């Protein structure tokens, strides 16, 4: 289970935020990122026990934990990058852009991160120290919490888009390449929310590399 060990090693420098994103693999919709920090590493023990890598939690559990994180003393920032931005700058850079927007959101609230713990093995070029942690959402509580916030936020976005485009099943597949999504692409074509740089969407558009 994740804990605050990584955060503790950096806490003398100031506020330590964990960053993670959701939605790198889907064929449509934005990529959403979140950052989370518990000042002074004060997190309720009962809440800490419920936080884990979002992929290891059921959708029901994520929906339950999301408001608990938001209602705690955590500082939370959320950002996103659109499908168009993903096509323009690639998914990695779009993920970093979404994370940066989450960072800017907490700065606008008057909080100034001193260290960023980022899930993965790549780092953005920011004006604060960043540490990459492979599998960070399973090790760091703040990254795990960010993974939950990002995933639930993105799921809600895709559920809202599904009301506009019900034939693609985005409320259930979150934009991933399920059989229903493939069939809908073939029958109804590409929407403005699809990532046109992704191979299955390019094929649906009749484009090749």
N, C-alpha and C. Protein backbone atom coordinates (compact mmCIF):
# COMPACT_ATOMS: atom_id res chain seq x y z
N UNK A 1 0.84 -1.20 0.00
CA UNK A 1 0.00 0.00 0.00
C UNK A 1 0.88 1.26 0.00
N UNK A 2 0.43 2.30 -0.68
CA UNK A 2 1.22 3.54 -0.70
C UNK A 2 1.26 4.19 0.68
N UNK A 3 2.33 4.94 0.92
CA UNK A 3 2.44 5.68 2.17
C UNK A 3 3.07 7.04 1.87
N UNK A 4 3.52 7.74 2.91
CA UNK A 4 4.07 9.08 2.74
C UNK A 4 5.59 9.12 2.86
N UNK A 5 6.25 7.99 2.60
CA UNK A 5 7.71 7.94 2.73
C UNK A 5 8.41 8.91 1.78
N UNK A 6 7.99 8.91 0.52
CA UNK A 6 8.62 9.82 -0.45
C UNK A 6 8.37 11.27 -0.05
N UNK A 7 7.14 11.55 0.37
CA UNK A 7 6.80 12.91 0.78
C UNK A 7 7.65 13.35 1.97
N UNK A 8 7.85 12.42 2.90
CA UNK A 8 8.60 12.76 4.12
C UNK A 8 10.04 13.15 3.82
N UNK A 9 10.63 12.51 2.82
CA UNK A 9 12.03 12.80 2.50
C UNK A 9 12.21 14.20 1.91
N UNK A 10 11.11 14.78 1.41
CA UNK A 10 11.19 16.10 0.77
C UNK A 10 10.50 17.20 1.57
N UNK A 11 9.81 16.83 2.64
CA UNK A 11 8.90 17.76 3.31
C UNK A 11 9.60 18.98 3.92
N UNK A 12 10.90 18.87 4.20
CA UNK A 12 11.61 20.01 4.78
C UNK A 12 11.72 21.16 3.78
N UNK A 13 11.53 20.87 2.50
CA UNK A 13 11.64 21.90 1.46
C UNK A 13 10.35 22.71 1.30
N UNK A 14 9.25 22.19 1.83
CA UNK A 14 7.96 22.86 1.68
C UNK A 14 6.88 21.89 1.25
N UNK A 15 5.88 22.39 0.55
CA UNK A 15 4.75 21.56 0.14
C UNK A 15 5.16 20.55 -0.93
N UNK A 16 4.88 19.29 -0.68
CA UNK A 16 5.22 18.22 -1.61
C UNK A 16 3.93 17.70 -2.26
N UNK A 17 3.84 17.80 -3.56
CA UNK A 17 2.64 17.39 -4.29
C UNK A 17 2.92 16.13 -5.10
N UNK A 18 1.95 15.23 -5.10
CA UNK A 18 2.00 14.07 -5.98
C UNK A 18 1.16 14.34 -7.21
N UNK A 19 1.66 13.97 -8.39
CA UNK A 19 0.97 14.20 -9.66
C UNK A 19 0.73 12.88 -10.38
N UNK A 20 -0.44 12.77 -10.99
CA UNK A 20 -0.71 11.63 -11.87
C UNK A 20 -1.76 12.05 -12.88
N UNK A 21 -1.88 11.25 -13.94
CA UNK A 21 -2.85 11.56 -14.99
C UNK A 21 -3.70 10.35 -15.30
N UNK A 22 -4.81 10.59 -15.96
CA UNK A 22 -5.70 9.52 -16.42
C UNK A 22 -6.07 9.82 -17.86
N UNK A 23 -6.08 8.76 -18.68
CA UNK A 23 -6.58 8.92 -20.04
C UNK A 23 -5.53 9.02 -21.12
N UNK A 24 -4.39 8.34 -20.94
CA UNK A 24 -3.40 8.35 -22.01
C UNK A 24 -3.77 7.38 -23.13
N UNK A 25 -4.43 6.29 -22.77
CA UNK A 25 -4.71 5.25 -23.75
C UNK A 25 -5.99 5.39 -24.56
N UNK A 26 -7.03 6.03 -24.05
CA UNK A 26 -8.28 6.12 -24.80
C UNK A 26 -8.12 6.80 -26.15
N UNK A 27 -9.08 6.53 -27.03
CA UNK A 27 -9.05 7.08 -28.38
C UNK A 27 -9.71 8.45 -28.47
N UNK A 28 -10.31 8.89 -27.41
CA UNK A 28 -11.02 10.17 -27.45
C UNK A 28 -11.04 10.81 -26.08
N UNK A 29 -11.47 12.05 -26.06
CA UNK A 29 -11.58 12.78 -24.81
C UNK A 29 -10.26 13.36 -24.35
N UNK A 30 -10.29 14.17 -23.30
CA UNK A 30 -9.07 14.80 -22.80
C UNK A 30 -8.23 13.85 -21.97
N UNK A 31 -6.99 14.21 -21.75
CA UNK A 31 -6.19 13.59 -20.71
C UNK A 31 -6.33 14.51 -19.50
N UNK A 32 -6.56 13.93 -18.34
CA UNK A 32 -6.82 14.70 -17.12
C UNK A 32 -5.73 14.40 -16.10
N UNK A 33 -5.23 15.42 -15.45
CA UNK A 33 -4.20 15.25 -14.43
C UNK A 33 -4.66 15.89 -13.13
N UNK A 34 -4.10 15.41 -12.05
CA UNK A 34 -4.38 16.00 -10.74
C UNK A 34 -3.11 16.03 -9.92
N UNK A 35 -3.08 16.94 -8.95
CA UNK A 35 -2.00 16.95 -7.97
C UNK A 35 -2.63 17.07 -6.59
N UNK A 36 -2.00 16.42 -5.63
CA UNK A 36 -2.54 16.37 -4.27
C UNK A 36 -1.40 16.55 -3.27
N UNK A 37 -1.68 17.31 -2.21
CA UNK A 37 -0.72 17.49 -1.12
C UNK A 37 -1.47 17.57 0.19
N UNK A 38 -0.96 16.87 1.19
CA UNK A 38 -1.45 17.06 2.56
C UNK A 38 -0.38 17.84 3.31
N UNK A 39 -0.65 19.13 3.60
CA UNK A 39 0.35 19.94 4.32
C UNK A 39 0.74 19.28 5.64
N UNK A 40 2.02 19.32 5.93
CA UNK A 40 2.57 18.71 7.16
C UNK A 40 2.32 17.21 7.21
N UNK A 41 1.95 16.63 6.05
CA UNK A 41 1.71 15.18 5.94
C UNK A 41 0.62 14.70 6.88
N UNK A 42 -0.32 15.58 7.17
CA UNK A 42 -1.43 15.23 8.06
C UNK A 42 -2.60 14.68 7.23
N UNK A 43 -2.78 13.38 7.25
CA UNK A 43 -3.88 12.73 6.56
C UNK A 43 -4.58 11.79 7.53
N UNK A 44 -5.90 11.83 7.60
CA UNK A 44 -6.61 10.92 8.51
C UNK A 44 -6.25 9.47 8.22
N UNK A 45 -6.00 8.71 9.27
CA UNK A 45 -5.56 7.32 9.10
C UNK A 45 -6.59 6.49 8.37
N UNK A 46 -7.87 6.72 8.67
CA UNK A 46 -8.91 5.92 8.01
C UNK A 46 -8.99 6.23 6.53
N UNK A 47 -8.66 7.47 6.14
CA UNK A 47 -8.64 7.83 4.72
C UNK A 47 -7.42 7.22 4.04
N UNK A 48 -6.27 7.29 4.69
CA UNK A 48 -5.05 6.75 4.12
C UNK A 48 -5.21 5.27 3.76
N UNK A 49 -5.93 4.54 4.58
CA UNK A 49 -6.12 3.10 4.36
C UNK A 49 -6.97 2.82 3.12
N UNK A 50 -7.74 3.81 2.67
CA UNK A 50 -8.64 3.61 1.53
C UNK A 50 -8.03 4.04 0.20
N UNK A 51 -6.88 4.70 0.27
CA UNK A 51 -6.26 5.25 -0.94
C UNK A 51 -5.26 4.27 -1.52
N UNK A 52 -5.38 4.03 -2.81
CA UNK A 52 -4.45 3.16 -3.53
C UNK A 52 -4.43 3.58 -4.98
N UNK A 53 -3.54 3.00 -5.74
CA UNK A 53 -3.51 3.19 -7.19
C UNK A 53 -4.94 3.04 -7.72
N UNK A 54 -5.41 4.03 -8.47
CA UNK A 54 -6.80 4.03 -8.94
C UNK A 54 -7.13 2.78 -9.73
N UNK A 55 -6.14 2.21 -10.42
CA UNK A 55 -6.39 1.02 -11.24
C UNK A 55 -6.67 -0.21 -10.37
N UNK A 56 -6.29 -0.14 -9.11
CA UNK A 56 -6.52 -1.26 -8.20
C UNK A 56 -7.82 -1.13 -7.43
N UNK A 57 -8.54 -0.05 -7.67
CA UNK A 57 -9.81 0.18 -7.00
C UNK A 57 -10.95 0.04 -8.00
N UNK A 58 -12.07 -0.45 -7.54
CA UNK A 58 -13.26 -0.51 -8.39
C UNK A 58 -13.79 0.90 -8.62
N UNK A 59 -14.61 1.05 -9.65
CA UNK A 59 -15.21 2.35 -9.91
C UNK A 59 -16.03 2.82 -8.72
N UNK A 60 -16.74 1.91 -8.08
CA UNK A 60 -17.54 2.25 -6.91
C UNK A 60 -16.66 2.76 -5.78
N UNK A 61 -15.52 2.10 -5.57
CA UNK A 61 -14.61 2.52 -4.51
C UNK A 61 -13.99 3.87 -4.83
N UNK A 62 -13.63 4.08 -6.09
CA UNK A 62 -13.06 5.38 -6.46
C UNK A 62 -14.06 6.50 -6.22
N UNK A 63 -15.31 6.25 -6.59
CA UNK A 63 -16.35 7.26 -6.39
C UNK A 63 -16.57 7.55 -4.91
N UNK A 64 -16.33 6.57 -4.07
CA UNK A 64 -16.49 6.76 -2.62
C UNK A 64 -15.32 7.54 -2.04
N UNK A 65 -14.11 7.24 -2.50
CA UNK A 65 -12.92 7.86 -1.93
C UNK A 65 -12.72 9.29 -2.45
N UNK A 66 -13.11 9.54 -3.68
CA UNK A 66 -12.94 10.87 -4.29
C UNK A 66 -13.44 12.00 -3.38
N UNK A 67 -14.70 11.99 -2.94
CA UNK A 67 -15.16 13.10 -2.10
C UNK A 67 -14.47 13.15 -0.74
N UNK A 68 -14.01 12.01 -0.26
CA UNK A 68 -13.31 11.98 1.03
C UNK A 68 -11.97 12.72 0.92
N UNK A 69 -11.29 12.53 -0.20
CA UNK A 69 -10.04 13.26 -0.43
C UNK A 69 -10.33 14.75 -0.55
N UNK A 70 -11.36 15.09 -1.33
CA UNK A 70 -11.69 16.49 -1.55
C UNK A 70 -12.13 17.17 -0.26
N UNK A 71 -12.75 16.41 0.64
CA UNK A 71 -13.25 16.99 1.90
C UNK A 71 -12.19 17.01 2.99
N UNK A 72 -11.07 16.34 2.75
CA UNK A 72 -9.98 16.34 3.74
C UNK A 72 -9.22 17.66 3.63
N UNK A 73 -8.14 17.78 4.37
CA UNK A 73 -7.35 19.01 4.33
C UNK A 73 -6.35 19.01 3.18
N UNK A 74 -6.56 18.12 2.22
CA UNK A 74 -5.68 18.05 1.06
C UNK A 74 -5.81 19.30 0.20
N UNK A 75 -4.71 19.71 -0.39
CA UNK A 75 -4.71 20.73 -1.43
C UNK A 75 -4.75 19.99 -2.76
N UNK A 76 -5.75 20.29 -3.58
CA UNK A 76 -5.95 19.54 -4.82
C UNK A 76 -5.99 20.48 -6.02
N UNK A 77 -5.31 20.09 -7.07
CA UNK A 77 -5.39 20.80 -8.34
C UNK A 77 -5.75 19.82 -9.45
N UNK A 78 -6.55 20.28 -10.41
CA UNK A 78 -6.97 19.43 -11.52
C UNK A 78 -6.76 20.20 -12.82
N UNK A 79 -6.21 19.52 -13.82
CA UNK A 79 -6.02 20.14 -15.13
C UNK A 79 -6.30 19.13 -16.23
N UNK A 80 -6.48 19.61 -17.43
CA UNK A 80 -6.70 18.70 -18.55
C UNK A 80 -6.12 19.28 -19.83
N UNK A 81 -5.90 18.41 -20.79
CA UNK A 81 -5.50 18.81 -22.13
C UNK A 81 -6.44 18.12 -23.11
N UNK A 82 -6.89 18.85 -24.09
CA UNK A 82 -7.92 18.37 -25.01
C UNK A 82 -7.38 17.39 -26.03
N UNK A 83 -8.31 16.73 -26.71
CA UNK A 83 -7.93 15.82 -27.79
C UNK A 83 -7.14 16.56 -28.87
N UNK A 84 -7.53 17.79 -29.15
CA UNK A 84 -6.81 18.59 -30.15
C UNK A 84 -5.38 18.85 -29.72
N UNK A 85 -5.20 19.17 -28.43
CA UNK A 85 -3.85 19.41 -27.92
C UNK A 85 -3.02 18.14 -27.94
N UNK A 86 -3.66 17.01 -27.65
CA UNK A 86 -2.96 15.72 -27.73
C UNK A 86 -2.45 15.49 -29.15
N UNK A 87 -3.29 15.77 -30.13
CA UNK A 87 -2.90 15.59 -31.53
C UNK A 87 -1.76 16.54 -31.91
N UNK A 88 -1.77 17.72 -31.33
CA UNK A 88 -0.78 18.74 -31.71
C UNK A 88 0.59 18.49 -31.08
N UNK A 89 0.62 18.03 -29.83
CA UNK A 89 1.92 17.97 -29.13
C UNK A 89 2.29 16.58 -28.64
N UNK A 90 1.46 15.58 -28.86
CA UNK A 90 1.60 14.17 -28.47
C UNK A 90 1.12 13.95 -27.03
N UNK A 91 0.81 12.70 -26.73
CA UNK A 91 0.15 12.39 -25.47
C UNK A 91 1.05 12.63 -24.26
N UNK A 92 2.35 12.38 -24.37
CA UNK A 92 3.24 12.62 -23.23
C UNK A 92 3.26 14.10 -22.88
N UNK A 93 3.48 14.94 -23.89
CA UNK A 93 3.54 16.38 -23.62
C UNK A 93 2.18 16.92 -23.19
N UNK A 94 1.11 16.35 -23.71
CA UNK A 94 -0.23 16.76 -23.29
C UNK A 94 -0.48 16.37 -21.84
N UNK A 95 0.04 15.22 -21.43
CA UNK A 95 -0.08 14.80 -20.03
C UNK A 95 0.65 15.79 -19.13
N UNK A 96 1.86 16.19 -19.55
CA UNK A 96 2.61 17.18 -18.77
C UNK A 96 1.90 18.53 -18.75
N UNK A 97 1.25 18.88 -19.86
CA UNK A 97 0.50 20.13 -19.92
C UNK A 97 -0.67 20.09 -18.94
N UNK A 98 -1.38 18.97 -18.89
CA UNK A 98 -2.48 18.82 -17.95
C UNK A 98 -1.98 18.91 -16.51
N UNK A 99 -0.83 18.28 -16.24
CA UNK A 99 -0.24 18.36 -14.90
C UNK A 99 0.15 19.80 -14.56
N UNK A 100 0.70 20.51 -15.54
CA UNK A 100 1.10 21.90 -15.31
C UNK A 100 -0.13 22.76 -15.00
N UNK A 101 -1.22 22.49 -15.67
CA UNK A 101 -2.45 23.25 -15.40
C UNK A 101 -2.97 22.94 -14.00
N UNK A 102 -2.79 21.69 -13.55
CA UNK A 102 -3.15 21.36 -12.16
C UNK A 102 -2.25 22.12 -11.19
N UNK A 103 -0.96 22.18 -11.52
CA UNK A 103 -0.01 22.93 -10.71
C UNK A 103 -0.39 24.40 -10.63
N UNK A 104 -0.72 24.98 -11.78
CA UNK A 104 -1.09 26.40 -11.81
C UNK A 104 -2.38 26.65 -11.04
N UNK A 105 -3.27 25.67 -11.02
CA UNK A 105 -4.52 25.85 -10.27
C UNK A 105 -4.24 26.00 -8.78
N UNK A 106 -3.35 25.17 -8.24
CA UNK A 106 -3.06 25.31 -6.80
C UNK A 106 -2.28 26.59 -6.52
N UNK A 107 -1.43 27.00 -7.47
CA UNK A 107 -0.74 28.28 -7.29
C UNK A 107 -1.74 29.44 -7.26
N UNK A 108 -2.74 29.35 -8.11
CA UNK A 108 -3.76 30.41 -8.14
C UNK A 108 -4.57 30.44 -6.85
N UNK A 109 -4.60 29.31 -6.15
CA UNK A 109 -5.29 29.25 -4.85
C UNK A 109 -4.39 29.77 -3.72
N UNK A 110 -3.14 30.08 -4.05
CA UNK A 110 -2.23 30.62 -3.05
C UNK A 110 -1.29 29.61 -2.43
N UNK A 111 -1.20 28.43 -3.02
CA UNK A 111 -0.28 27.40 -2.52
C UNK A 111 0.86 27.23 -3.52
N UNK A 112 2.08 27.08 -3.00
CA UNK A 112 3.24 27.04 -3.87
C UNK A 112 4.03 25.76 -3.64
N UNK A 113 3.83 24.78 -4.53
CA UNK A 113 4.55 23.51 -4.40
C UNK A 113 6.06 23.70 -4.41
N UNK A 114 6.73 22.99 -3.50
CA UNK A 114 8.19 23.03 -3.45
C UNK A 114 8.81 21.85 -4.19
N UNK A 115 8.09 20.73 -4.21
CA UNK A 115 8.57 19.51 -4.87
C UNK A 115 7.38 18.82 -5.54
N UNK A 116 7.62 18.29 -6.73
CA UNK A 116 6.60 17.52 -7.45
C UNK A 116 7.05 16.07 -7.57
N UNK A 117 6.24 15.16 -7.05
CA UNK A 117 6.47 13.73 -7.22
C UNK A 117 5.58 13.28 -8.37
N UNK A 118 6.18 12.74 -9.41
CA UNK A 118 5.44 12.45 -10.64
C UNK A 118 5.50 10.97 -10.97
N UNK A 119 4.33 10.38 -11.17
CA UNK A 119 4.26 8.97 -11.52
C UNK A 119 4.87 8.74 -12.91
N UNK A 120 5.75 7.74 -13.00
CA UNK A 120 6.33 7.41 -14.30
C UNK A 120 7.84 7.55 -14.30
N UNK A 121 8.40 7.55 -15.50
CA UNK A 121 9.86 7.63 -15.63
C UNK A 121 10.33 8.82 -16.46
N UNK A 122 9.40 9.74 -16.73
CA UNK A 122 9.75 10.95 -17.49
C UNK A 122 9.36 12.17 -16.67
N UNK A 123 10.10 13.25 -16.85
CA UNK A 123 9.85 14.46 -16.07
C UNK A 123 9.60 15.66 -16.98
N UNK A 124 8.68 16.53 -16.58
CA UNK A 124 8.48 17.78 -17.31
C UNK A 124 9.57 18.77 -16.92
N UNK A 125 9.72 19.81 -17.70
CA UNK A 125 10.69 20.87 -17.40
C UNK A 125 9.95 22.03 -16.73
N UNK A 126 9.90 21.96 -15.41
CA UNK A 126 9.22 22.98 -14.62
C UNK A 126 10.22 23.79 -13.82
N UNK A 127 9.70 24.81 -13.12
CA UNK A 127 10.56 25.67 -12.33
C UNK A 127 10.67 25.22 -10.87
N UNK A 128 10.25 23.98 -10.59
CA UNK A 128 10.40 23.41 -9.25
C UNK A 128 11.03 22.03 -9.39
N UNK A 129 11.70 21.53 -8.35
CA UNK A 129 12.28 20.18 -8.42
C UNK A 129 11.20 19.13 -8.64
N UNK A 130 11.48 18.20 -9.54
CA UNK A 130 10.55 17.11 -9.83
C UNK A 130 11.27 15.78 -9.66
N UNK A 131 10.55 14.80 -9.13
CA UNK A 131 11.10 13.46 -8.96
C UNK A 131 10.18 12.45 -9.63
N UNK A 132 10.72 11.66 -10.54
CA UNK A 132 9.94 10.61 -11.21
C UNK A 132 9.96 9.36 -10.34
N UNK A 133 8.79 8.76 -10.18
CA UNK A 133 8.68 7.53 -9.40
C UNK A 133 7.94 6.50 -10.24
N UNK A 134 8.64 5.49 -10.70
CA UNK A 134 8.01 4.43 -11.49
C UNK A 134 7.07 3.65 -10.57
N UNK A 135 5.82 3.50 -11.01
CA UNK A 135 4.82 2.85 -10.16
C UNK A 135 4.48 3.68 -8.95
N UNK A 136 4.62 5.00 -9.09
CA UNK A 136 4.41 5.90 -7.96
C UNK A 136 3.01 5.84 -7.37
N UNK A 137 2.01 5.51 -8.21
CA UNK A 137 0.63 5.46 -7.68
C UNK A 137 0.43 4.28 -6.75
N UNK A 138 1.39 3.36 -6.71
CA UNK A 138 1.31 2.27 -5.75
C UNK A 138 2.25 2.45 -4.57
N UNK A 139 3.00 3.57 -4.57
CA UNK A 139 3.99 3.81 -3.52
C UNK A 139 3.74 5.07 -2.71
N UNK A 140 3.33 6.13 -3.39
CA UNK A 140 3.15 7.43 -2.76
C UNK A 140 1.66 7.72 -2.55
N UNK A 141 1.29 8.08 -1.33
CA UNK A 141 -0.12 8.37 -1.06
C UNK A 141 -0.62 9.58 -1.85
N UNK A 142 0.22 10.59 -1.98
CA UNK A 142 -0.24 11.77 -2.71
C UNK A 142 -0.40 11.49 -4.20
N UNK A 143 0.48 10.66 -4.77
CA UNK A 143 0.33 10.29 -6.18
C UNK A 143 -0.89 9.39 -6.34
N UNK A 144 -1.08 8.44 -5.43
CA UNK A 144 -2.25 7.55 -5.50
C UNK A 144 -3.54 8.37 -5.42
N UNK A 145 -3.57 9.34 -4.53
CA UNK A 145 -4.75 10.20 -4.41
C UNK A 145 -4.97 10.99 -5.70
N UNK A 146 -3.87 11.48 -6.29
CA UNK A 146 -3.98 12.20 -7.56
C UNK A 146 -4.51 11.30 -8.66
N UNK A 147 -4.12 10.03 -8.63
CA UNK A 147 -4.61 9.09 -9.65
C UNK A 147 -6.11 8.90 -9.54
N UNK A 148 -6.62 8.88 -8.31
CA UNK A 148 -8.06 8.73 -8.09
C UNK A 148 -8.80 9.98 -8.55
N UNK A 149 -8.29 11.15 -8.16
CA UNK A 149 -8.94 12.41 -8.55
C UNK A 149 -8.98 12.53 -10.07
N UNK A 150 -7.85 12.23 -10.72
CA UNK A 150 -7.79 12.35 -12.18
C UNK A 150 -8.73 11.36 -12.86
N UNK A 151 -8.74 10.12 -12.40
CA UNK A 151 -9.56 9.09 -13.02
C UNK A 151 -11.05 9.38 -12.87
N UNK A 152 -11.48 9.73 -11.67
CA UNK A 152 -12.90 10.00 -11.45
C UNK A 152 -13.34 11.24 -12.23
N UNK A 153 -12.50 12.27 -12.22
CA UNK A 153 -12.83 13.48 -12.98
C UNK A 153 -12.98 13.17 -14.46
N UNK A 154 -12.05 12.39 -15.01
CA UNK A 154 -12.13 12.06 -16.43
C UNK A 154 -13.34 11.18 -16.73
N UNK A 155 -13.63 10.22 -15.85
CA UNK A 155 -14.81 9.38 -16.05
C UNK A 155 -16.08 10.22 -16.13
N UNK A 156 -16.16 11.23 -15.27
CA UNK A 156 -17.34 12.11 -15.28
C UNK A 156 -17.41 12.91 -16.59
N UNK A 157 -16.27 13.35 -17.08
CA UNK A 157 -16.24 14.07 -18.36
C UNK A 157 -16.74 13.17 -19.48
N UNK A 158 -16.27 11.93 -19.51
CA UNK A 158 -16.67 11.01 -20.56
C UNK A 158 -18.15 10.62 -20.44
N UNK A 159 -18.65 10.54 -19.22
CA UNK A 159 -20.07 10.26 -19.02
C UNK A 159 -20.93 11.40 -19.56
N UNK A 160 -20.45 12.62 -19.37
CA UNK A 160 -21.17 13.79 -19.90
C UNK A 160 -21.12 13.80 -21.43
N UNK A 161 -19.97 13.48 -22.00
CA UNK A 161 -19.86 13.44 -23.46
C UNK A 161 -20.72 12.31 -24.05
N UNK A 162 -20.90 11.25 -23.28
CA UNK A 162 -21.71 10.12 -23.75
C UNK A 162 -23.18 10.51 -23.92
N UNK A 163 -23.62 11.51 -23.21
CA UNK A 163 -24.99 11.99 -23.38
C UNK A 163 -25.15 12.64 -24.75
N UNK A 164 -24.05 13.22 -25.23
CA UNK A 164 -24.05 13.88 -26.54
C UNK A 164 -23.83 12.88 -27.68
N UNK A 165 -23.03 11.85 -27.38
CA UNK A 165 -22.69 10.84 -28.38
C UNK A 165 -22.92 9.44 -27.79
N UNK A 166 -24.17 9.07 -27.56
CA UNK A 166 -24.46 7.81 -26.85
C UNK A 166 -24.03 6.55 -27.60
N UNK A 167 -23.91 6.63 -28.91
CA UNK A 167 -23.64 5.43 -29.71
C UNK A 167 -22.24 4.85 -29.48
N UNK A 168 -21.33 5.63 -28.90
CA UNK A 168 -19.95 5.16 -28.73
C UNK A 168 -19.70 4.45 -27.40
N UNK A 169 -20.66 4.53 -26.49
CA UNK A 169 -20.53 3.83 -25.21
C UNK A 169 -19.49 4.41 -24.27
N UNK A 170 -19.22 5.71 -24.38
CA UNK A 170 -18.16 6.31 -23.57
C UNK A 170 -18.47 6.29 -22.08
N UNK A 171 -19.74 6.20 -21.72
CA UNK A 171 -20.09 6.13 -20.30
C UNK A 171 -19.61 4.83 -19.67
N UNK A 172 -19.40 3.81 -20.52
CA UNK A 172 -18.94 2.50 -20.03
C UNK A 172 -17.47 2.23 -20.38
N UNK A 173 -17.04 2.67 -21.56
CA UNK A 173 -15.66 2.35 -21.96
C UNK A 173 -14.68 3.49 -21.78
N UNK A 174 -15.17 4.66 -21.35
CA UNK A 174 -14.33 5.84 -21.08
C UNK A 174 -13.47 6.23 -22.29
N UNK A 175 -13.89 5.80 -23.48
CA UNK A 175 -13.17 6.16 -24.69
C UNK A 175 -12.14 5.15 -25.14
N UNK A 176 -12.01 4.05 -24.40
CA UNK A 176 -11.07 3.01 -24.80
C UNK A 176 -11.63 2.24 -26.01
N UNK A 177 -10.76 1.47 -26.65
CA UNK A 177 -11.11 0.81 -27.90
C UNK A 177 -11.85 -0.50 -27.73
N UNK A 178 -13.03 -0.44 -27.18
CA UNK A 178 -13.86 -1.64 -27.04
C UNK A 178 -14.50 -1.99 -28.39
N UNK A 179 -15.11 -3.17 -28.44
CA UNK A 179 -15.78 -3.60 -29.67
C UNK A 179 -16.88 -2.62 -30.06
N UNK A 180 -17.64 -2.15 -29.08
CA UNK A 180 -18.71 -1.19 -29.36
C UNK A 180 -18.14 0.10 -29.93
N UNK A 181 -17.04 0.56 -29.37
CA UNK A 181 -16.43 1.80 -29.85
C UNK A 181 -15.94 1.64 -31.29
N UNK A 182 -15.34 0.50 -31.57
CA UNK A 182 -14.87 0.22 -32.93
C UNK A 182 -16.03 0.21 -33.91
N UNK A 183 -17.11 -0.48 -33.56
CA UNK A 183 -18.29 -0.56 -34.42
C UNK A 183 -18.89 0.82 -34.65
N UNK A 184 -18.93 1.63 -33.59
CA UNK A 184 -19.51 2.97 -33.71
C UNK A 184 -18.65 3.85 -34.62
N UNK A 185 -17.34 3.70 -34.51
CA UNK A 185 -16.45 4.46 -35.40
C UNK A 185 -16.72 4.11 -36.85
N UNK A 186 -16.88 2.81 -37.11
CA UNK A 186 -17.12 2.37 -38.48
C UNK A 186 -18.47 2.84 -39.01
N UNK A 187 -19.47 2.87 -38.11
CA UNK A 187 -20.83 3.22 -38.54
C UNK A 187 -21.09 4.72 -38.54
N UNK A 188 -20.60 5.41 -37.48
CA UNK A 188 -20.95 6.83 -37.31
C UNK A 188 -19.79 7.78 -37.57
N UNK A 189 -18.60 7.24 -37.67
CA UNK A 189 -17.45 8.09 -37.97
C UNK A 189 -16.81 8.72 -36.75
N UNK A 190 -15.94 9.67 -37.03
CA UNK A 190 -15.11 10.31 -36.01
C UNK A 190 -15.78 11.59 -35.50
N UNK A 191 -15.74 11.77 -34.18
CA UNK A 191 -16.32 12.97 -33.56
C UNK A 191 -15.23 14.02 -33.32
N UNK A 192 -15.61 15.24 -32.95
CA UNK A 192 -14.61 16.26 -32.62
C UNK A 192 -13.78 15.90 -31.39
N UNK A 193 -14.26 14.93 -30.62
CA UNK A 193 -13.55 14.56 -29.38
C UNK A 193 -12.56 13.42 -29.58
N UNK A 194 -12.51 12.86 -30.78
CA UNK A 194 -11.56 11.78 -31.05
C UNK A 194 -10.15 12.33 -31.27
N UNK A 195 -9.16 11.50 -30.91
CA UNK A 195 -7.75 11.86 -31.06
C UNK A 195 -7.30 11.39 -32.45
N UNK A 196 -7.20 12.32 -33.35
CA UNK A 196 -6.98 11.99 -34.75
C UNK A 196 -5.55 11.49 -35.03
N UNK A 197 -4.66 11.63 -34.06
CA UNK A 197 -3.30 11.12 -34.22
C UNK A 197 -3.17 9.66 -33.80
N UNK A 198 -4.25 9.10 -33.22
CA UNK A 198 -4.22 7.71 -32.77
C UNK A 198 -4.58 6.80 -33.95
N UNK A 199 -3.84 5.71 -34.10
CA UNK A 199 -3.94 4.85 -35.28
C UNK A 199 -5.37 4.39 -35.61
N UNK A 200 -6.17 3.90 -34.65
CA UNK A 200 -7.52 3.44 -35.00
C UNK A 200 -8.41 4.57 -35.54
N UNK A 201 -8.21 5.78 -35.02
CA UNK A 201 -8.99 6.92 -35.49
C UNK A 201 -8.50 7.35 -36.88
N UNK A 202 -7.19 7.32 -37.08
CA UNK A 202 -6.64 7.64 -38.40
C UNK A 202 -7.19 6.68 -39.45
N UNK A 203 -7.27 5.40 -39.07
CA UNK A 203 -7.83 4.41 -40.03
C UNK A 203 -9.27 4.73 -40.34
N UNK A 204 -10.04 5.13 -39.32
CA UNK A 204 -11.45 5.47 -39.54
C UNK A 204 -11.60 6.69 -40.44
N UNK A 205 -10.58 7.54 -40.44
CA UNK A 205 -10.58 8.73 -41.29
C UNK A 205 -10.02 8.42 -42.69
N UNK A 206 -9.53 7.19 -42.86
CA UNK A 206 -8.95 6.81 -44.13
C UNK A 206 -7.55 7.35 -44.33
N UNK A 207 -6.88 7.66 -43.21
CA UNK A 207 -5.52 8.20 -43.29
C UNK A 207 -4.50 7.13 -42.96
N UNK A 208 -3.34 7.22 -43.52
CA UNK A 208 -2.24 6.32 -43.22
C UNK A 208 -0.98 7.15 -42.97
N UNK A 209 -0.03 6.55 -42.26
CA UNK A 209 1.23 7.24 -41.97
C UNK A 209 2.06 7.40 -43.25
